[in-house]
Amino acid sequence: MINYSDMPWKYRLREVEVFIGNIVGKERQTQKQKEASLEMKDEFDRLASSIVESMRGESREKTLGIGMASLSLCLPEKNWKDLDSLKSFAWVAISVLLTEVDKMQKEAKNRGGRALR
């Protein structure tokens, strides 16, 4: 988040700016900001894809287990004071879980069973 800031000595980008792949300026984006936004988005997509691949197990049960464990790490505890921590990892974990649940529903439907509710 510091690498893509226009003024890294002064501030870092907020996580939401990295997550959506945009560097938001008060005025229109300069060419440099547009290029940095694209590079940052590509880097985030690469990292998120790498995390998703590492979460996929040899079986559905293992993938669901890794996904649930990853998501549980993202849930705040009662004494959690770090409100500035990264939160996008939870969205990545949720996407892995929802992908597996969607596959399960489609398979159940194709077998003539009812979809999961």
PDB file of N, CA and C in Angstrom:
ATOM      1  N   MET A   1       0.822  -1.186   0.000  1.00  0.00           N
ATOM      2  CA  MET A   1       0.000   0.000   0.000  1.00  0.00           C
ATOM      3  C   MET A   1       0.869   1.253   0.000  1.00  0.00           C
ATOM      4  N   ILE A   2       2.060   1.109   0.485  1.00  0.00           N
ATOM      5  CA  ILE A   2       2.992   2.227   0.453  1.00  0.00           C
ATOM      6  C   ILE A   2       3.601   2.366  -0.935  1.00  0.00           C
ATOM      7  N   ASN A   3       3.865   1.237  -1.607  1.00  0.00           N
ATOM      8  CA  ASN A   3       4.530   1.260  -2.910  1.00  0.00           C
ATOM      9  C   ASN A   3       3.754   2.024  -3.978  1.00  0.00           C
ATOM     10  N   TYR A   4       2.431   2.093  -3.856  1.00  0.00           N
ATOM     11  CA  TYR A   4       1.626   2.721  -4.893  1.00  0.00           C
ATOM     12  C   TYR A   4       1.088   4.088  -4.490  1.00  0.00           C
ATOM     13  N   SER A   5       1.493   4.582  -3.355  1.00  0.00           N
ATOM     14  CA  SER A   5       1.077   5.901  -2.910  1.00  0.00           C
ATOM     15  C   SER A   5       1.860   6.977  -3.655  1.00  0.00           C
ATOM     16  N   ASP A   6       1.178   8.070  -4.001  1.00  0.00           N
ATOM     17  CA  ASP A   6       1.868   9.196  -4.642  1.00  0.00           C
ATOM     18  C   ASP A   6       2.875   9.838  -3.695  1.00  0.00           C
ATOM     19  N   MET A   7       2.576   9.791  -2.418  1.00  0.00           N
ATOM     20  CA  MET A   7       3.461  10.387  -1.406  1.00  0.00           C
ATOM     21  C   MET A   7       3.719   9.364  -0.300  1.00  0.00           C
ATOM     22  N   PRO A   8       4.533   8.343  -0.569  1.00  0.00           N
ATOM     23  CA  PRO A   8       4.727   7.278   0.417  1.00  0.00           C
ATOM     24  C   PRO A   8       5.335   7.766   1.725  1.00  0.00           C
ATOM     25  N   TRP A   9       6.030   8.879   1.694  1.00  0.00           N
ATOM     26  CA  TRP A   9       6.621   9.426   2.911  1.00  0.00           C
ATOM     27  C   TRP A   9       5.543  10.060   3.804  1.00  0.00           C
ATOM     28  N   LYS A  10       4.377  10.334   3.210  1.00  0.00           N
ATOM     29  CA  LYS A  10       3.328  11.045   3.940  1.00  0.00           C
ATOM     30  C   LYS A  10       2.159  10.125   4.321  1.00  0.00           C
ATOM     31  N   TYR A  11       1.737   9.274   3.404  1.00  0.00           N
ATOM     32  CA  TYR A  11       0.624   8.375   3.696  1.00  0.00           C
ATOM     33  C   TYR A  11       0.683   7.155   2.791  1.00  0.00           C
ATOM     34  N   ARG A  12       0.019   6.102   3.254  1.00  0.00           N
ATOM     35  CA  ARG A  12      -0.126   4.900   2.444  1.00  0.00           C
ATOM     36  C   ARG A  12      -1.557   4.829   1.933  1.00  0.00           C
ATOM     37  N   LEU A  13      -1.752   4.057   0.909  1.00  0.00           N
ATOM     38  CA  LEU A  13      -3.105   3.881   0.391  1.00  0.00           C
ATOM     39  C   LEU A  13      -3.936   3.119   1.409  1.00  0.00           C
ATOM     40  N   ARG A  14      -5.208   3.400   1.412  1.00  0.00           N
ATOM     41  CA  ARG A  14      -6.111   2.638   2.264  1.00  0.00           C
ATOM     42  C   ARG A  14      -6.364   1.284   1.610  1.00  0.00           C
ATOM     43  N   GLU A  15      -6.694   0.309   2.426  1.00  0.00           N
ATOM     44  CA  GLU A  15      -6.911  -1.034   1.898  1.00  0.00           C
ATOM     45  C   GLU A  15      -8.033  -1.059   0.873  1.00  0.00           C
ATOM     46  N   VAL A  16      -9.068  -0.301   1.099  1.00  0.00           N
ATOM     47  CA  VAL A  16     -10.190  -0.297   0.161  1.00  0.00           C
ATOM     48  C   VAL A  16      -9.740   0.197  -1.216  1.00  0.00           C
ATOM     49  N   GLU A  17      -8.807   1.129  -1.267  1.00  0.00           N
ATOM     50  CA  GLU A  17      -8.294   1.607  -2.549  1.00  0.00           C
ATOM     51  C   GLU A  17      -7.527   0.501  -3.273  1.00  0.00           C
ATOM     52  N   VAL A  18      -6.790  -0.281  -2.520  1.00  0.00           N
ATOM     53  CA  VAL A  18      -6.058  -1.394  -3.119  1.00  0.00           C
ATOM     54  C   VAL A  18      -7.039  -2.480  -3.545  1.00  0.00           C
ATOM     55  N   PHE A  19      -8.012  -2.781  -2.695  1.00  0.00           N
ATOM     56  CA  PHE A  19      -8.970  -3.854  -2.953  1.00  0.00           C
ATOM     57  C   PHE A  19      -9.783  -3.596  -4.213  1.00  0.00           C
ATOM     58  N   ILE A  20     -10.182  -2.352  -4.429  1.00  0.00           N
ATOM     59  CA  ILE A  20     -10.962  -2.053  -5.635  1.00  0.00           C
ATOM     60  C   ILE A  20     -10.072  -1.728  -6.820  1.00  0.00           C
ATOM     61  N   GLY A  21      -8.761  -1.601  -6.566  1.00  0.00           N
ATOM     62  CA  GLY A  21      -7.823  -1.403  -7.661  1.00  0.00           C
ATOM     63  C   GLY A  21      -7.749   0.007  -8.180  1.00  0.00           C
ATOM     64  N   ASN A  22      -8.036   0.950  -7.334  1.00  0.00           N
ATOM     65  CA  ASN A  22      -7.998   2.344  -7.766  1.00  0.00           C
ATOM     66  C   ASN A  22      -7.219   3.192  -6.779  1.00  0.00           C
ATOM     67  N   ILE A  23      -6.504   4.142  -7.330  1.00  0.00           N
ATOM     68  CA  ILE A  23      -5.893   5.177  -6.517  1.00  0.00           C
ATOM     69  C   ILE A  23      -6.787   6.390  -6.704  1.00  0.00           C
ATOM     70  N   VAL A  24      -7.425   6.791  -5.637  1.00  0.00           N
ATOM     71  CA  VAL A  24      -8.395   7.870  -5.729  1.00  0.00           C
ATOM     72  C   VAL A  24      -7.720   9.178  -5.347  1.00  0.00           C
ATOM     73  N   GLY A  25      -7.793  10.118  -6.237  1.00  0.00           N
ATOM     74  CA  GLY A  25      -7.237  11.436  -5.969  1.00  0.00           C
ATOM     75  C   GLY A  25      -8.346  12.446  -5.762  1.00  0.00           C
ATOM     76  N   LYS A  26      -7.983  13.615  -5.261  1.00  0.00           N
ATOM     77  CA  LYS A  26      -8.982  14.657  -5.060  1.00  0.00           C
ATOM     78  C   LYS A  26      -9.421  15.227  -6.403  1.00  0.00           C
ATOM     79  N   GLU A  27      -8.564  15.175  -7.347  1.00  0.00           N
ATOM     80  CA  GLU A  27      -8.868  15.647  -8.693  1.00  0.00           C
ATOM     81  C   GLU A  27      -8.865  14.426  -9.619  1.00  0.00           C
ATOM     82  N   ARG A  28      -8.832  14.669 -10.885  1.00  0.00           N
ATOM     83  CA  ARG A  28      -8.737  13.557 -11.841  1.00  0.00           C
ATOM     84  C   ARG A  28      -7.395  12.861 -11.690  1.00  0.00           C
ATOM     85  N   GLN A  29      -7.387  11.597 -12.078  1.00  0.00           N
ATOM     86  CA  GLN A  29      -6.138  10.841 -12.004  1.00  0.00           C
ATOM     87  C   GLN A  29      -5.158  11.315 -13.071  1.00  0.00           C
ATOM     88  N   THR A  30      -3.909  11.354 -12.676  1.00  0.00           N
ATOM     89  CA  THR A  30      -2.856  11.639 -13.638  1.00  0.00           C
ATOM     90  C   THR A  30      -2.540  10.344 -14.378  1.00  0.00           C
ATOM     91  N   GLN A  31      -1.787  10.434 -15.447  1.00  0.00           N
ATOM     92  CA  GLN A  31      -1.381   9.230 -16.182  1.00  0.00           C
ATOM     93  C   GLN A  31      -0.591   8.299 -15.274  1.00  0.00           C
ATOM     94  N   LYS A  32       0.272   8.882 -14.443  1.00  0.00           N
ATOM     95  CA  LYS A  32       1.071   8.089 -13.508  1.00  0.00           C
ATOM     96  C   LYS A  32       0.167   7.332 -12.526  1.00  0.00           C
ATOM     97  N   GLN A  33      -0.883   7.985 -12.015  1.00  0.00           N
ATOM     98  CA  GLN A  33      -1.808   7.334 -11.097  1.00  0.00           C
ATOM     99  C   GLN A  33      -2.590   6.227 -11.800  1.00  0.00           C
ATOM    100  N   LYS A  34      -2.992   6.459 -13.045  1.00  0.00           N
ATOM    101  CA  LYS A  34      -3.715   5.433 -13.805  1.00  0.00           C
ATOM    102  C   LYS A  34      -2.848   4.197 -13.993  1.00  0.00           C
ATOM    103  N   GLU A  35      -1.587   4.433 -14.372  1.00  0.00           N
ATOM    104  CA  GLU A  35      -0.671   3.306 -14.562  1.00  0.00           C
ATOM    105  C   GLU A  35      -0.420   2.577 -13.247  1.00  0.00           C
ATOM    106  N   ALA A  36      -0.257   3.330 -12.170  1.00  0.00           N
ATOM    107  CA  ALA A  36      -0.042   2.716 -10.858  1.00  0.00           C
ATOM    108  C   ALA A  36      -1.272   1.931 -10.428  1.00  0.00           C
ATOM    109  N   SER A  37      -2.466   2.452 -10.726  1.00  0.00           N
ATOM    110  CA  SER A  37      -3.700   1.735 -10.390  1.00  0.00           C
ATOM    111  C   SER A  37      -3.768   0.387 -11.107  1.00  0.00           C
ATOM    112  N   LEU A  38      -3.447   0.392 -12.392  1.00  0.00           N
ATOM    113  CA  LEU A  38      -3.475  -0.849 -13.162  1.00  0.00           C
ATOM    114  C   LEU A  38      -2.444  -1.847 -12.646  1.00  0.00           C
ATOM    115  N   GLU A  39      -1.243  -1.357 -12.365  1.00  0.00           N
ATOM    116  CA  GLU A  39      -0.189  -2.229 -11.848  1.00  0.00           C
ATOM    117  C   GLU A  39      -0.573  -2.791 -10.479  1.00  0.00           C
ATOM    118  N   MET A  40      -1.135  -1.936  -9.635  1.00  0.00           N
ATOM    119  CA  MET A  40      -1.551  -2.356  -8.301  1.00  0.00           C
ATOM    120  C   MET A  40      -2.676  -3.389  -8.390  1.00  0.00           C
ATOM    121  N   LYS A  41      -3.637  -3.164  -9.271  1.00  0.00           N
ATOM    122  CA  LYS A  41      -4.737  -4.107  -9.439  1.00  0.00           C
ATOM    123  C   LYS A  41      -4.220  -5.459  -9.916  1.00  0.00           C
ATOM    124  N   ASP A  42      -3.315  -5.444 -10.874  1.00  0.00           N
ATOM    125  CA  ASP A  42      -2.730  -6.692 -11.367  1.00  0.00           C
ATOM    126  C   ASP A  42      -1.996  -7.435 -10.256  1.00  0.00           C
ATOM    127  N   GLU A  43      -1.247  -6.696  -9.435  1.00  0.00           N
ATOM    128  CA  GLU A  43      -0.514  -7.305  -8.328  1.00  0.00           C
ATOM    129  C   GLU A  43      -1.469  -7.891  -7.295  1.00  0.00           C
ATOM    130  N   PHE A  44      -2.536  -7.152  -6.969  1.00  0.00           N
ATOM    131  CA  PHE A  44      -3.521  -7.668  -6.018  1.00  0.00           C
ATOM    132  C   PHE A  44      -4.189  -8.922  -6.564  1.00  0.00           C
ATOM    133  N   ASP A  45      -4.582  -8.896  -7.836  1.00  0.00           N
ATOM    134  CA  ASP A  45      -5.219 -10.061  -8.460  1.00  0.00           C
ATOM    135  C   ASP A  45      -4.288 -11.272  -8.433  1.00  0.00           C
ATOM    136  N   ARG A  46      -3.003 -11.043  -8.694  1.00  0.00           N
ATOM    137  CA  ARG A  46      -2.024 -12.139  -8.663  1.00  0.00           C
ATOM    138  C   ARG A  46      -1.912 -12.718  -7.257  1.00  0.00           C
ATOM    139  N   LEU A  47      -1.822 -11.840  -6.261  1.00  0.00           N
ATOM    140  CA  LEU A  47      -1.714 -12.315  -4.880  1.00  0.00           C
ATOM    141  C   LEU A  47      -2.984 -13.038  -4.433  1.00  0.00           C
ATOM    142  N   ALA A  48      -4.147 -12.481  -4.766  1.00  0.00           N
ATOM    143  CA  ALA A  48      -5.407 -13.124  -4.383  1.00  0.00           C
ATOM    144  C   ALA A  48      -5.544 -14.485  -5.060  1.00  0.00           C
ATOM    145  N   SER A  49      -5.183 -14.585  -6.327  1.00  0.00           N
ATOM    146  CA  SER A  49      -5.241 -15.876  -7.037  1.00  0.00           C
ATOM    147  C   SER A  49      -4.303 -16.892  -6.400  1.00  0.00           C
ATOM    148  N   SER A  50      -3.135 -16.441  -6.000  1.00  0.00           N
ATOM    149  CA  SER A  50      -2.173 -17.322  -5.336  1.00  0.00           C
ATOM    150  C   SER A  50      -2.725 -17.827  -4.006  1.00  0.00           C
ATOM    151  N   ILE A  51      -3.368 -16.945  -3.257  1.00  0.00           N
ATOM    152  CA  ILE A  51      -3.969 -17.351  -1.984  1.00  0.00           C
ATOM    153  C   ILE A  51      -5.095 -18.345  -2.215  1.00  0.00           C
ATOM    154  N   VAL A  52      -5.941 -18.086  -3.197  1.00  0.00           N
ATOM    155  CA  VAL A  52      -7.049 -18.992  -3.504  1.00  0.00           C
ATOM    156  C   VAL A  52      -6.511 -20.374  -3.870  1.00  0.00           C
ATOM    157  N   GLU A  53      -5.483 -20.422  -4.715  1.00  0.00           N
ATOM    158  CA  GLU A  53      -4.906 -21.709  -5.107  1.00  0.00           C
ATOM    159  C   GLU A  53      -4.322 -22.450  -3.911  1.00  0.00           C
ATOM    160  N   SER A  54      -3.697 -21.717  -2.999  1.00  0.00           N
ATOM    161  CA  SER A  54      -3.113 -22.377  -1.824  1.00  0.00           C
ATOM    162  C   SER A  54      -4.190 -22.872  -0.864  1.00  0.00           C
ATOM    163  N   MET A  55      -5.381 -22.304  -0.927  1.00  0.00           N
ATOM    164  CA  MET A  55      -6.477 -22.736  -0.053  1.00  0.00           C
ATOM    165  C   MET A  55      -7.204 -23.955  -0.607  1.00  0.00           C
ATOM    166  N   ARG A  56      -7.060 -24.205  -1.871  1.00  0.00           N
ATOM    167  CA  ARG A  56      -7.749 -25.356  -2.469  1.00  0.00           C
ATOM    168  C   ARG A  56      -7.019 -26.639  -2.089  1.00  0.00           C
ATOM    169  N   GLY A  57      -7.763 -27.551  -1.487  1.00  0.00           N
ATOM    170  CA  GLY A  57      -7.186 -28.811  -1.063  1.00  0.00           C
ATOM    171  C   GLY A  57      -7.408 -29.906  -2.082  1.00  0.00           C
ATOM    172  N   GLU A  58      -6.953 -31.114  -1.721  1.00  0.00           N
ATOM    173  CA  GLU A  58      -7.121 -32.253  -2.632  1.00  0.00           C
ATOM    174  C   GLU A  58      -8.581 -32.700  -2.699  1.00  0.00           C
ATOM    175  N   SER A  59      -9.345 -32.362  -1.690  1.00  0.00           N
ATOM    176  CA  SER A  59     -10.757 -32.762  -1.648  1.00  0.00           C
ATOM    177  C   SER A  59     -11.613 -31.563  -1.265  1.00  0.00           C
ATOM    178  N   ARG A  60     -12.898 -31.697  -1.499  1.00  0.00           N
ATOM    179  CA  ARG A  60     -13.833 -30.628  -1.139  1.00  0.00           C
ATOM    180  C   ARG A  60     -13.820 -30.390   0.368  1.00  0.00           C
ATOM    181  N   GLU A  61     -13.765 -31.481   1.125  1.00  0.00           N
ATOM    182  CA  GLU A  61     -13.775 -31.355   2.580  1.00  0.00           C
ATOM    183  C   GLU A  61     -12.554 -30.565   3.067  1.00  0.00           C
ATOM    184  N   LYS A  62     -11.406 -30.850   2.471  1.00  0.00           N
ATOM    185  CA  LYS A  62     -10.191 -30.150   2.875  1.00  0.00           C
ATOM    186  C   LYS A  62     -10.278 -28.667   2.486  1.00  0.00           C
ATOM    187  N   THR A  63     -10.786 -28.383   1.292  1.00  0.00           N
ATOM    188  CA  THR A  63     -10.938 -26.990   0.860  1.00  0.00           C
ATOM    189  C   THR A  63     -11.892 -26.244   1.783  1.00  0.00           C
ATOM    190  N   LEU A  64     -13.019 -26.881   2.125  1.00  0.00           N
ATOM    191  CA  LEU A  64     -13.964 -26.243   3.039  1.00  0.00           C
ATOM    192  C   LEU A  64     -13.330 -26.024   4.410  1.00  0.00           C
ATOM    193  N   GLY A  65     -12.562 -26.982   4.870  1.00  0.00           N
ATOM    194  CA  GLY A  65     -11.891 -26.849   6.161  1.00  0.00           C
ATOM    195  C   GLY A  65     -10.878 -25.716   6.166  1.00  0.00           C
ATOM    196  N   ILE A  66     -10.075 -25.639   5.121  1.00  0.00           N
ATOM    197  CA  ILE A  66      -9.085 -24.560   5.027  1.00  0.00           C
ATOM    198  C   ILE A  66      -9.797 -23.215   4.921  1.00  0.00           C
ATOM    199  N   GLY A  67     -10.859 -23.172   4.139  1.00  0.00           N
ATOM    200  CA  GLY A  67     -11.615 -21.926   3.989  1.00  0.00           C
ATOM    201  C   GLY A  67     -12.231 -21.464   5.304  1.00  0.00           C
ATOM    202  N   MET A  68     -12.817 -22.404   6.050  1.00  0.00           N
ATOM    203  CA  MET A  68     -13.410 -22.049   7.345  1.00  0.00           C
ATOM    204  C   MET A  68     -12.345 -21.617   8.341  1.00  0.00           C
ATOM    205  N   ALA A  69     -11.215 -22.316   8.354  1.00  0.00           N
ATOM    206  CA  ALA A  69     -10.128 -21.933   9.258  1.00  0.00           C
ATOM    207  C   ALA A  69      -9.602 -20.547   8.902  1.00  0.00           C
ATOM    208  N   SER A  70      -9.459 -20.274   7.615  1.00  0.00           N
ATOM    209  CA  SER A  70      -8.979 -18.963   7.176  1.00  0.00           C
ATOM    210  C   SER A  70      -9.965 -17.874   7.568  1.00  0.00           C
ATOM    211  N   LEU A  71     -11.247 -18.142   7.368  1.00  0.00           N
ATOM    212  CA  LEU A  71     -12.269 -17.161   7.719  1.00  0.00           C
ATOM    213  C   LEU A  71     -12.303 -16.921   9.226  1.00  0.00           C
ATOM    214  N   SER A  72     -12.121 -17.976  10.020  1.00  0.00           N
ATOM    215  CA  SER A  72     -12.151 -17.807  11.471  1.00  0.00           C
ATOM    216  C   SER A  72     -10.999 -16.919  11.945  1.00  0.00           C
ATOM    217  N   LEU A  73      -9.891 -16.938  11.227  1.00  0.00           N
ATOM    218  CA  LEU A  73      -8.774 -16.057  11.581  1.00  0.00           C
ATOM    219  C   LEU A  73      -9.107 -14.592  11.338  1.00  0.00           C
ATOM    220  N   CYS A  74     -10.063 -14.341  10.473  1.00  0.00           N
ATOM    221  CA  CYS A  74     -10.422 -12.969  10.121  1.00  0.00           C
ATOM    222  C   CYS A  74     -11.473 -12.371  11.047  1.00  0.00           C
ATOM    223  N   LEU A  75     -12.144 -13.214  11.817  1.00  0.00           N
ATOM    224  CA  LEU A  75     -13.207 -12.711  12.673  1.00  0.00           C
ATOM    225  C   LEU A  75     -12.619 -12.018  13.898  1.00  0.00           C
ATOM    226  N   PRO A  76     -13.124 -10.845  14.205  1.00  0.00           N
ATOM    227  CA  PRO A  76     -12.558 -10.110  15.344  1.00  0.00           C
ATOM    228  C   PRO A  76     -12.913 -10.763  16.671  1.00  0.00           C
ATOM    229  N   GLU A  77     -11.982 -10.687  17.574  1.00  0.00           N
ATOM    230  CA  GLU A  77     -12.220 -11.158  18.931  1.00  0.00           C
ATOM    231  C   GLU A  77     -12.707  -9.981  19.759  1.00  0.00           C
ATOM    232  N   LYS A  78     -13.235 -10.261  20.930  1.00  0.00           N
ATOM    233  CA  LYS A  78     -13.764  -9.193  21.772  1.00  0.00           C
ATOM    234  C   LYS A  78     -12.714  -8.151  22.118  1.00  0.00           C
ATOM    235  N   ASN A  79     -11.489  -8.569  22.332  1.00  0.00           N
ATOM    236  CA  ASN A  79     -10.428  -7.646  22.738  1.00  0.00           C
ATOM    237  C   ASN A  79      -9.602  -7.139  21.571  1.00  0.00           C
ATOM    238  N   TRP A  80     -10.058  -7.367  20.350  1.00  0.00           N
ATOM    239  CA  TRP A  80      -9.290  -6.992  19.176  1.00  0.00           C
ATOM    240  C   TRP A  80      -9.287  -5.482  19.033  1.00  0.00           C
ATOM    241  N   LYS A  81      -8.124  -4.874  19.119  1.00  0.00           N
ATOM    242  CA  LYS A  81      -8.012  -3.412  19.081  1.00  0.00           C
ATOM    243  C   LYS A  81      -7.539  -2.903  17.727  1.00  0.00           C
ATOM    244  N   ASP A  82      -6.992  -3.779  16.894  1.00  0.00           N
ATOM    245  CA  ASP A  82      -6.377  -3.331  15.642  1.00  0.00           C
ATOM    246  C   ASP A  82      -7.443  -3.132  14.569  1.00  0.00           C
ATOM    247  N   LEU A  83      -8.097  -1.991  14.599  1.00  0.00           N
ATOM    248  CA  LEU A  83      -9.149  -1.715  13.622  1.00  0.00           C
ATOM    249  C   LEU A  83      -8.584  -1.356  12.257  1.00  0.00           C
ATOM    250  N   ASP A  84      -7.276  -1.134  12.184  1.00  0.00           N
ATOM    251  CA  ASP A  84      -6.632  -0.743  10.942  1.00  0.00           C
ATOM    252  C   ASP A  84      -6.062  -1.944  10.188  1.00  0.00           C
ATOM    253  N   SER A  85      -6.328  -3.152  10.680  1.00  0.00           N
ATOM    254  CA  SER A  85      -5.742  -4.338  10.055  1.00  0.00           C
ATOM    255  C   SER A  85      -6.387  -4.625   8.701  1.00  0.00           C
ATOM    256  N   LEU A  86      -5.753  -5.501   7.953  1.00  0.00           N
ATOM    257  CA  LEU A  86      -6.254  -5.857   6.622  1.00  0.00           C
ATOM    258  C   LEU A  86      -7.518  -6.701   6.737  1.00  0.00           C
ATOM    259  N   LYS A  87      -8.511  -6.372   5.944  1.00  0.00           N
ATOM    260  CA  LYS A  87      -9.783  -7.083   6.001  1.00  0.00           C
ATOM    261  C   LYS A  87     -10.122  -7.805   4.701  1.00  0.00           C
ATOM    262  N   SER A  88      -9.401  -7.533   3.627  1.00  0.00           N
ATOM    263  CA  SER A  88      -9.751  -8.124   2.342  1.00  0.00           C
ATOM    264  C   SER A  88      -9.486  -9.628   2.308  1.00  0.00           C
ATOM    265  N   PHE A  89      -8.606 -10.135   3.185  1.00  0.00           N
ATOM    266  CA  PHE A  89      -8.362 -11.575   3.215  1.00  0.00           C
ATOM    267  C   PHE A  89      -9.646 -12.335   3.529  1.00  0.00           C
ATOM    268  N   ALA A  90     -10.506 -11.747   4.352  1.00  0.00           N
ATOM    269  CA  ALA A  90     -11.789 -12.390   4.667  1.00  0.00           C
ATOM    270  C   ALA A  90     -12.620 -12.569   3.396  1.00  0.00           C
ATOM    271  N   TRP A  91     -12.604 -11.579   2.517  1.00  0.00           N
ATOM    272  CA  TRP A  91     -13.363 -11.681   1.266  1.00  0.00           C
ATOM    273  C   TRP A  91     -12.798 -12.775   0.365  1.00  0.00           C
ATOM    274  N   VAL A  92     -11.490 -12.930   0.379  1.00  0.00           N
ATOM    275  CA  VAL A  92     -10.874 -13.992  -0.411  1.00  0.00           C
ATOM    276  C   VAL A  92     -11.290 -15.352   0.149  1.00  0.00           C
ATOM    277  N   ALA A  93     -11.247 -15.515   1.473  1.00  0.00           N
ATOM    278  CA  ALA A  93     -11.653 -16.774   2.101  1.00  0.00           C
ATOM    279  C   ALA A  93     -13.121 -17.064   1.819  1.00  0.00           C
ATOM    280  N   ILE A  94     -13.956 -16.055   1.907  1.00  0.00           N
ATOM    281  CA  ILE A  94     -15.387 -16.236   1.635  1.00  0.00           C
ATOM    282  C   ILE A  94     -15.616 -16.659   0.186  1.00  0.00           C
ATOM    283  N   SER A  95     -14.850 -16.092  -0.740  1.00  0.00           N
ATOM    284  CA  SER A  95     -15.034 -16.465  -2.151  1.00  0.00           C
ATOM    285  C   SER A  95     -14.699 -17.937  -2.380  1.00  0.00           C
ATOM    286  N   VAL A  96     -13.672 -18.441  -1.686  1.00  0.00           N
ATOM    287  CA  VAL A  96     -13.330 -19.861  -1.803  1.00  0.00           C
ATOM    288  C   VAL A  96     -14.475 -20.716  -1.254  1.00  0.00           C
ATOM    289  N   LEU A  97     -14.991 -20.347  -0.095  1.00  0.00           N
ATOM    290  CA  LEU A  97     -16.087 -21.100   0.509  1.00  0.00           C
ATOM    291  C   LEU A  97     -17.337 -21.070  -0.369  1.00  0.00           C
ATOM    292  N   LEU A  98     -17.702 -19.908  -0.859  1.00  0.00           N
ATOM    293  CA  LEU A  98     -18.910 -19.807  -1.681  1.00  0.00           C
ATOM    294  C   LEU A  98     -18.772 -20.561  -3.000  1.00  0.00           C
ATOM    295  N   THR A  99     -17.577 -20.575  -3.562  1.00  0.00           N
ATOM    296  CA  THR A  99     -17.346 -21.337  -4.790  1.00  0.00           C
ATOM    297  C   THR A  99     -17.595 -22.822  -4.543  1.00  0.00           C
ATOM    298  N   GLU A 100     -17.092 -23.337  -3.425  1.00  0.00           N
ATOM    299  CA  GLU A 100     -17.289 -24.757  -3.107  1.00  0.00           C
ATOM    300  C   GLU A 100     -18.758 -25.070  -2.813  1.00  0.00           C
ATOM    301  N   VAL A 101     -19.433 -24.189  -2.095  1.00  0.00           N
ATOM    302  CA  VAL A 101     -20.856 -24.396  -1.795  1.00  0.00           C
ATOM    303  C   VAL A 101     -21.660 -24.364  -3.086  1.00  0.00           C
ATOM    304  N   ASP A 102     -21.323 -23.453  -3.997  1.00  0.00           N
ATOM    305  CA  ASP A 102     -22.012 -23.379  -5.280  1.00  0.00           C
ATOM    306  C   ASP A 102     -21.829 -24.671  -6.066  1.00  0.00           C
ATOM    307  N   LYS A 103     -20.608 -25.213  -6.076  1.00  0.00           N
ATOM    308  CA  LYS A 103     -20.356 -26.495  -6.757  1.00  0.00           C
ATOM    309  C   LYS A 103     -21.195 -27.604  -6.144  1.00  0.00           C
ATOM    310  N   MET A 104     -21.286 -27.622  -4.815  1.00  0.00           N
ATOM    311  CA  MET A 104     -22.072 -28.644  -4.134  1.00  0.00           C
ATOM    312  C   MET A 104     -23.545 -28.535  -4.508  1.00  0.00           C
ATOM    313  N   GLN A 105     -24.070 -27.323  -4.572  1.00  0.00           N
ATOM    314  CA  GLN A 105     -25.472 -27.131  -4.936  1.00  0.00           C
ATOM    315  C   GLN A 105     -25.743 -27.582  -6.362  1.00  0.00           C
ATOM    316  N   LYS A 106     -24.854 -27.259  -7.276  1.00  0.00           N
ATOM    317  CA  LYS A 106     -25.031 -27.665  -8.672  1.00  0.00           C
ATOM    318  C   LYS A 106     -24.978 -29.178  -8.812  1.00  0.00           C
ATOM    319  N   GLU A 107     -24.057 -29.819  -8.100  1.00  0.00           N
ATOM    320  CA  GLU A 107     -23.963 -31.281  -8.156  1.00  0.00           C
ATOM    321  C   GLU A 107     -25.211 -31.933  -7.583  1.00  0.00           C
ATOM    322  N   ALA A 108     -25.715 -31.404  -6.485  1.00  0.00           N
ATOM    323  CA  ALA A 108     -26.934 -31.946  -5.874  1.00  0.00           C
ATOM    324  C   ALA A 108     -28.127 -31.787  -6.821  1.00  0.00           C
ATOM    325  N   LYS A 109     -28.204 -30.653  -7.462  1.00  0.00           N
ATOM    326  CA  LYS A 109     -29.294 -30.393  -8.398  1.00  0.00           C
ATOM    327  C   LYS A 109     -29.206 -31.333  -9.606  1.00  0.00           C
ATOM    328  N   ASN A 110     -27.987 -31.560 -10.115  1.00  0.00           N
ATOM    329  CA  ASN A 110     -27.781 -32.453 -11.264  1.00  0.00           C
ATOM    330  C   ASN A 110     -28.103 -33.901 -10.929  1.00  0.00           C
ATOM    331  N   ARG A 111     -27.959 -34.288  -9.665  1.00  0.00           N
ATOM    332  CA  ARG A 111     -28.288 -35.651  -9.245  1.00  0.00           C
ATOM    333  C   ARG A 111     -29.779 -35.800  -8.984  1.00  0.00           C
ATOM    334  N   GLY A 112     -30.518 -34.713  -9.170  1.00  0.00           N
ATOM    335  CA  GLY A 112     -31.952 -34.776  -8.958  1.00  0.00           C
ATOM    336  C   GLY A 112     -32.362 -34.460  -7.528  1.00  0.00           C
ATOM    337  N   GLY A 113     -31.383 -34.135  -6.729  1.00  0.00           N
ATOM    338  CA  GLY A 113     -31.683 -33.775  -5.342  1.00  0.00           C
ATOM    339  C   GLY A 113     -32.001 -32.306  -5.231  1.00  0.00           C
ATOM    340  N   ARG A 114     -32.310 -31.930  -4.020  1.00  0.00           N
ATOM    341  CA  ARG A 114     -32.608 -30.520  -3.778  1.00  0.00           C
ATOM    342  C   ARG A 114     -31.316 -29.769  -3.525  1.00  0.00           C
ATOM    343  N   ALA A 115     -31.303 -28.526  -3.930  1.00  0.00           N
ATOM    344  CA  ALA A 115     -30.125 -27.682  -3.669  1.00  0.00           C
ATOM    345  C   ALA A 115     -30.054 -27.396  -2.174  1.00  0.00           C
ATOM    346  N   LEU A 116     -28.867 -27.128  -1.695  1.00  0.00           N
ATOM    347  CA  LEU A 116     -28.661 -26.791  -0.284  1.00  0.00           C
ATOM    348  C   LEU A 116     -29.340 -25.467   0.031  1.00  0.00           C
ATOM    349  N   ARG A 117     -29.894 -25.383   1.195  1.00  0.00           N
ATOM    350  CA  ARG A 117     -30.552 -24.130   1.605  1.00  0.00           C
ATOM    351  C   ARG A 117     -29.976 -23.662   2.895  1.00  0.00           C
TER     352      ARG A 117
END
